[in-house]
C-alpha atoms as a PDB file:
ATOM      1  CA  MET A   1      27.335  -1.086  -4.914  1.00  0.00           C
ATOM      2  CA  THR A   2      26.894  -4.708  -5.891  1.00  0.00           C
ATOM      3  CA  ASN A   3      25.332  -7.966  -4.643  1.00  0.00           C
ATOM      4  CA  SER A   4      23.139  -6.243  -2.080  1.00  0.00           C
ATOM      5  CA  ILE A   5      19.640  -6.320  -0.648  1.00  0.00           C
ATOM      6  CA  ILE A   6      18.233  -3.138   0.870  1.00  0.00           C
ATOM      7  CA  ALA A   7      14.773  -3.801   2.245  1.00  0.00           C
ATOM      8  CA  ASN A   8      12.038  -2.645   4.601  1.00  0.00           C
ATOM      9  CA  ASN A   9      13.648   0.634   5.674  1.00  0.00           C
ATOM     10  CA  GLY A  10      11.586   3.478   7.089  1.00  0.00           C
ATOM     11  CA  ARG A  11      13.317   5.847   4.672  1.00  0.00           C
ATOM     12  CA  GLN A  12      14.782   5.641   1.159  1.00  0.00           C
ATOM     13  CA  GLY A  13      16.710   2.536   0.216  1.00  0.00           C
ATOM     14  CA  ILE A  14      19.433   4.659  -1.366  1.00  0.00           C
ATOM     15  CA  ASP A  15      19.553   8.417  -0.826  1.00  0.00           C
ATOM     16  CA  SER A  16      22.168  10.220  -2.902  1.00  0.00           C
ATOM     17  CA  ALA A  17      21.566  13.387  -0.885  1.00  0.00           C
ATOM     18  CA  ASP A  18      23.803  11.727   1.713  1.00  0.00           C
ATOM     19  CA  ALA A  19      26.751  12.083  -0.704  1.00  0.00           C
ATOM     20  CA  SER A  20      29.340  14.572   0.436  1.00  0.00           C
ATOM     21  CA  VAL A  21      32.763  15.906  -0.504  1.00  0.00           C
ATOM     22  CA  GLY A  22      35.242  13.126  -1.157  1.00  0.00           C
ATOM     23  CA  ARG A  23      32.683  10.623  -2.411  1.00  0.00           C
ATOM     24  CA  PRO A  24      32.558   9.454  -6.039  1.00  0.00           C
ATOM     25  CA  THR A  25      30.827  11.680  -8.567  1.00  0.00           C
ATOM     26  CA  THR A  26      29.157   8.702 -10.264  1.00  0.00           C
ATOM     27  CA  PHE A  27      27.467   5.757  -8.615  1.00  0.00           C
ATOM     28  CA  THR A  28      26.853   2.254  -9.988  1.00  0.00           C
ATOM     29  CA  ILE A  29      24.216  -0.115  -8.641  1.00  0.00           C
ATOM     30  CA  THR A  30      24.361  -3.700  -9.924  1.00  0.00           C
ATOM     31  CA  ASP A  31      23.012  -7.084  -8.815  1.00  0.00           C
ATOM     32  CA  THR A  32      20.951  -5.433  -6.099  1.00  0.00           C
ATOM     33  CA  THR A  33      17.380  -5.723  -4.825  1.00  0.00           C
ATOM     34  CA  LEU A  34      15.701  -2.620  -3.418  1.00  0.00           C
ATOM     35  CA  PHE A  35      12.462  -3.690  -1.753  1.00  0.00           C
ATOM     36  CA  ASN A  36       9.724  -1.999   0.233  1.00  0.00           C
ATOM     37  CA  ASN A  37      11.711   1.039   1.394  1.00  0.00           C
ATOM     38  CA  THR A  38       9.622   4.101   2.331  1.00  0.00           C
ATOM     39  CA  PRO A  39       8.862   6.161   0.356  1.00  0.00           C
ATOM     40  CA  ASP A  40      11.431   5.588  -2.440  1.00  0.00           C
ATOM     41  CA  GLN A  41      13.735   2.761  -3.413  1.00  0.00           C
ATOM     42  CA  ILE A  42      16.172   5.356  -4.818  1.00  0.00           C
ATOM     43  CA  ASN A  43      16.134   9.095  -4.084  1.00  0.00           C
ATOM     44  CA  ASN A  44      18.519  11.195  -6.166  1.00  0.00           C
ATOM     45  CA  SER A  45      18.757  14.828  -5.151  1.00  0.00           C
ATOM     46  CA  SER A  46      22.494  15.386  -4.950  1.00  0.00           C
ATOM     47  CA  THR A  47      25.406  16.572  -7.025  1.00  0.00           C
ATOM     48  CA  ILE A  48      26.342  13.021  -8.008  1.00  0.00           C
ATOM     49  CA  GLN A  49      26.862  13.302 -11.758  1.00  0.00           C
ATOM     50  CA  GLY A  50      25.048  10.100 -12.588  1.00  0.00           C
ATOM     51  CA  ILE A  51      23.683   6.810 -11.338  1.00  0.00           C
ATOM     52  CA  ASP A  52      23.940   3.684 -13.507  1.00  0.00           C
ATOM     53  CA  ILE A  53      21.677   0.771 -12.557  1.00  0.00           C
ATOM     54  CA  SER A  54      21.850  -2.771 -13.973  1.00  0.00           C
ATOM     55  CA  ASN A  55      20.722  -6.251 -12.973  1.00  0.00           C
ATOM     56  CA  THR A  56      18.693  -4.672 -10.189  1.00  0.00           C
ATOM     57  CA  ILE A  57      15.114  -5.193  -8.985  1.00  0.00           C
ATOM     58  CA  LEU A  58      13.092  -2.298  -7.559  1.00  0.00           C
ATOM     59  CA  ALA A  59       9.836  -3.407  -5.907  1.00  0.00           C
ATOM     60  CA  GLY A  60       7.598  -2.523  -2.991  1.00  0.00           C
ATOM     61  CA  SER A  61       3.851  -2.462  -2.512  1.00  0.00           C
ATOM     62  CA  GLY A  62       2.641   1.118  -2.772  1.00  0.00           C
ATOM     63  CA  LYS A  63       6.147   2.607  -2.970  1.00  0.00           C
ATOM     64  CA  THR A  64       8.074   4.680  -5.532  1.00  0.00           C
ATOM     65  CA  GLY A  65      10.889   3.154  -7.566  1.00  0.00           C
ATOM     66  CA  ILE A  66      13.062   6.161  -8.449  1.00  0.00           C
ATOM     67  CA  ASN A  67      12.579   9.749  -7.281  1.00  0.00           C
ATOM     68  CA  ASN A  68      15.026  11.709  -9.400  1.00  0.00           C
ATOM     69  CA  ALA A  69      15.334  15.409  -8.657  1.00  0.00           C
ATOM     70  CA  GLY A  70      19.050  15.344  -9.444  1.00  0.00           C
ATOM     71  CA  ASN A  71      21.392  14.401 -12.236  1.00  0.00           C
ATOM     72  CA  PRO A  72      20.815  11.624 -14.812  1.00  0.00           C
ATOM     73  CA  ILE A  73      19.960   8.061 -13.908  1.00  0.00           C
ATOM     74  CA  SER A  74      20.131   5.213 -16.416  1.00  0.00           C
ATOM     75  CA  ILE A  75      18.585   1.817 -15.781  1.00  0.00           C
ATOM     76  CA  ASN A  76      19.220  -1.244 -17.976  1.00  0.00           C
ATOM     77  CA  TYR A  77      18.629  -5.005 -17.659  1.00  0.00           C
ATOM     78  CA  SER A  78      16.611  -4.469 -14.502  1.00  0.00           C
ATOM     79  CA  ALA A  79      13.043  -4.490 -13.163  1.00  0.00           C
ATOM     80  CA  LEU A  80      10.760  -1.672 -12.122  1.00  0.00           C
ATOM     81  CA  VAL A  81       7.983  -3.898 -10.798  1.00  0.00           C
ATOM     82  CA  ASN A  82       4.423  -2.774 -11.556  1.00  0.00           C
ATOM     83  CA  ALA A  83       2.642  -6.145 -11.347  1.00  0.00           C
ATOM     84  CA  GLY A  84       1.800  -8.539  -8.539  1.00  0.00           C
ATOM     85  CA  PRO A  85       1.631  -8.051  -4.774  1.00  0.00           C
ATOM     86  CA  ASN A  86       4.907  -6.101  -4.603  1.00  0.00           C
ATOM     87  CA  ALA A  87       4.123  -3.625  -7.370  1.00  0.00           C
ATOM     88  CA  LEU A  88       5.416  -0.093  -7.083  1.00  0.00           C
ATOM     89  CA  THR A  89       2.732   2.609  -7.196  1.00  0.00           C
ATOM     90  CA  THR A  90       5.038   4.967  -9.108  1.00  0.00           C
ATOM     91  CA  LEU A  91       7.931   3.726 -11.246  1.00  0.00           C
ATOM     92  CA  THR A  92       9.772   7.037 -11.645  1.00  0.00           C
ATOM     93  CA  THR A  93       9.099  10.622 -10.627  1.00  0.00           C
ATOM     94  CA  GLY A  94      10.958  13.927 -10.355  1.00  0.00           C
ATOM     95  CA  ALA A  95      12.372  16.556 -12.684  1.00  0.00           C
ATOM     96  CA  GLY A  96      15.704  14.762 -13.228  1.00  0.00           C
ATOM     97  CA  THR A  97      16.315  12.683 -16.350  1.00  0.00           C
ATOM     98  CA  THR A  98      15.748   8.963 -15.847  1.00  0.00           C
ATOM     99  CA  THR A  99      16.553   6.880 -18.922  1.00  0.00           C
ATOM    100  CA  ILE A 100      14.870   3.490 -18.991  1.00  0.00           C
ATOM    101  CA  GLY A 101      16.965   1.513 -21.443  1.00  0.00           C
ATOM    102  CA  ALA A 102      17.442  -1.994 -22.719  1.00  0.00           C
ATOM    103  CA  GLN A 103      15.580  -4.929 -21.247  1.00  0.00           C
ATOM    104  CA  VAL A 104      13.856  -3.215 -18.320  1.00  0.00           C
ATOM    105  CA  ILE A 105      10.878  -5.345 -17.354  1.00  0.00           C
ATOM    106  CA  ASN A 106       7.866  -4.662 -15.148  1.00  0.00           C
ATOM    107  CA  ALA A 107       6.719  -8.205 -14.349  1.00  0.00           C
ATOM    108  CA  ASP A 108       6.148  -9.638 -10.870  1.00  0.00           C
ATOM    109  CA  PRO A 109       9.404 -11.316  -9.784  1.00  0.00           C
ATOM    110  CA  GLU A 110       7.360 -13.906  -7.852  1.00  0.00           C
ATOM    111  CA  PHE A 111       9.558 -13.642  -4.764  1.00  0.00           C
ATOM    112  CA  ILE A 112       9.772 -16.987  -2.950  1.00  0.00           C
ATOM    113  CA  SER A 113       9.588 -15.143   0.382  1.00  0.00           C
ATOM    114  CA  THR A 114       9.340 -11.545   1.541  1.00  0.00           C
ATOM    115  CA  ASN A 115      10.103 -12.567   5.131  1.00  0.00           C
ATOM    116  CA  PRO A 116      13.595 -11.279   6.025  1.00  0.00           C
ATOM    117  CA  THR A 117      14.237 -14.255   8.333  1.00  0.00           C
ATOM    118  CA  SER A 118      13.694 -16.758   5.498  1.00  0.00           C
ATOM    119  CA  SER A 119      16.650 -18.306   3.691  1.00  0.00           C
ATOM    120  CA  ASP A 120      14.663 -17.663   0.472  1.00  0.00           C
ATOM    121  CA  PHE A 121      14.230 -13.928   1.194  1.00  0.00           C
ATOM    122  CA  LEU A 122      13.598 -12.132  -2.129  1.00  0.00           C
ATOM    123  CA  ASP A 123      14.717 -15.104  -4.243  1.00  0.00           C
ATOM    124  CA  VAL A 124      13.174 -14.741  -7.717  1.00  0.00           C
ATOM    125  CA  ALA A 125      11.070 -17.492  -9.341  1.00  0.00           C
ATOM    126  CA  SER A 126       9.417 -15.783 -12.335  1.00  0.00           C
ATOM    127  CA  LEU A 127      10.231 -17.351 -15.690  1.00  0.00           C
ATOM    128  CA  LEU A 128      10.158 -13.839 -17.195  1.00  0.00           C
ATOM    129  CA  TYR A 129      13.331 -13.092 -15.214  1.00  0.00           C
ATOM    130  CA  ALA A 130      15.200 -16.197 -16.460  1.00  0.00           C
ATOM    131  CA  THR A 131      16.961 -14.343 -19.297  1.00  0.00           C
ATOM    132  CA  ALA A 132      16.242 -10.678 -18.455  1.00  0.00           C
ATOM    133  CA  GLY A 133      19.688  -9.906 -16.994  1.00  0.00           C
ATOM    134  CA  THR A 134      22.786  -8.749 -18.834  1.00  0.00           C
ATOM    135  CA  GLY A 135      23.951 -11.265 -21.437  1.00  0.00           C
ATOM    136  CA  GLY A 136      20.722 -13.272 -21.200  1.00  0.00           C
ATOM    137  CA  ASN A 137      21.502 -14.343 -17.635  1.00  0.00           C
ATOM    138  CA  PRO A 138      18.841 -14.466 -14.926  1.00  0.00           C
ATOM    139  CA  LEU A 139      17.769 -11.162 -13.396  1.00  0.00           C
ATOM    140  CA  LYS A 140      18.017 -11.932  -9.694  1.00  0.00           C
ATOM    141  CA  GLY A 141      18.969  -8.660  -8.040  1.00  0.00           C
ATOM    142  CA  GLY A 142      20.893  -9.300  -4.831  1.00  0.00           C
ATOM    143  CA  ALA A 143      19.280 -12.685  -4.165  1.00  0.00           C
ATOM    144  CA  ASP A 144      19.090 -15.983  -6.090  1.00  0.00           C
ATOM    145  CA  TYR A 145      17.130 -17.034  -9.166  1.00  0.00           C
ATOM    146  CA  VAL A 146      15.241 -20.228  -8.363  1.00  0.00           C
ATOM    147  CA  VAL A 147      13.688 -22.621 -10.856  1.00  0.00           C
ATOM    148  CA  ILE A 148      10.606 -24.362  -9.495  1.00  0.00           C
ATOM    149  CA  THR A 149       9.818 -27.648 -11.218  1.00  0.00           C
ATOM    150  CA  LYS A 150       6.381 -29.183 -11.637  1.00  0.00           C
ATOM    151  CA  SER A 151       7.206 -31.882  -9.082  1.00  0.00           C
ATOM    152  CA  GLN A 152       8.020 -29.172  -6.505  1.00  0.00           C
ATOM    153  CA  ILE A 153       4.695 -27.464  -7.204  1.00  0.00           C
ATOM    154  CA  TRP A 154       2.808 -30.719  -6.628  1.00  0.00           C
ATOM    155  CA  ASN A 155       4.690 -31.246  -3.378  1.00  0.00           C
ATOM    156  CA  ILE A 156       3.563 -27.855  -2.120  1.00  0.00           C
ATOM    157  CA  TYR A 157      -0.073 -28.871  -2.420  1.00  0.00           C
END
């Protein structure tokens, strides 16, 4: 799965328990934003042999990032947000192995908007995300990385 936003669902953002015969045994999530899904952004309880996550943002006020009761998950060059208004309550949980690797940050992405009708929905403005993606590129998940200049800040006020 790539270049996606999964947000504000009344159940998990991604639930690998839905995997069945004929589906891939490994799953890759890249350039994706998982936001405010209840209760987990990712639930892994299936026979999928592994989930690889990169350039992905997991956030949601009071939610869980990864609930891993299944096979291994690796997360690199991504964000498990534990700061700001969209902080996860629990980053990872479950008996499965979740490997948090290179360049995983926890900072607030400073979303421009969390309103799904906005053209700026889940666009990222935090300077800490400017080089946090693979190859030093912006970590933007499934949305855009936006640079706000000082003149734009003054115009807001």
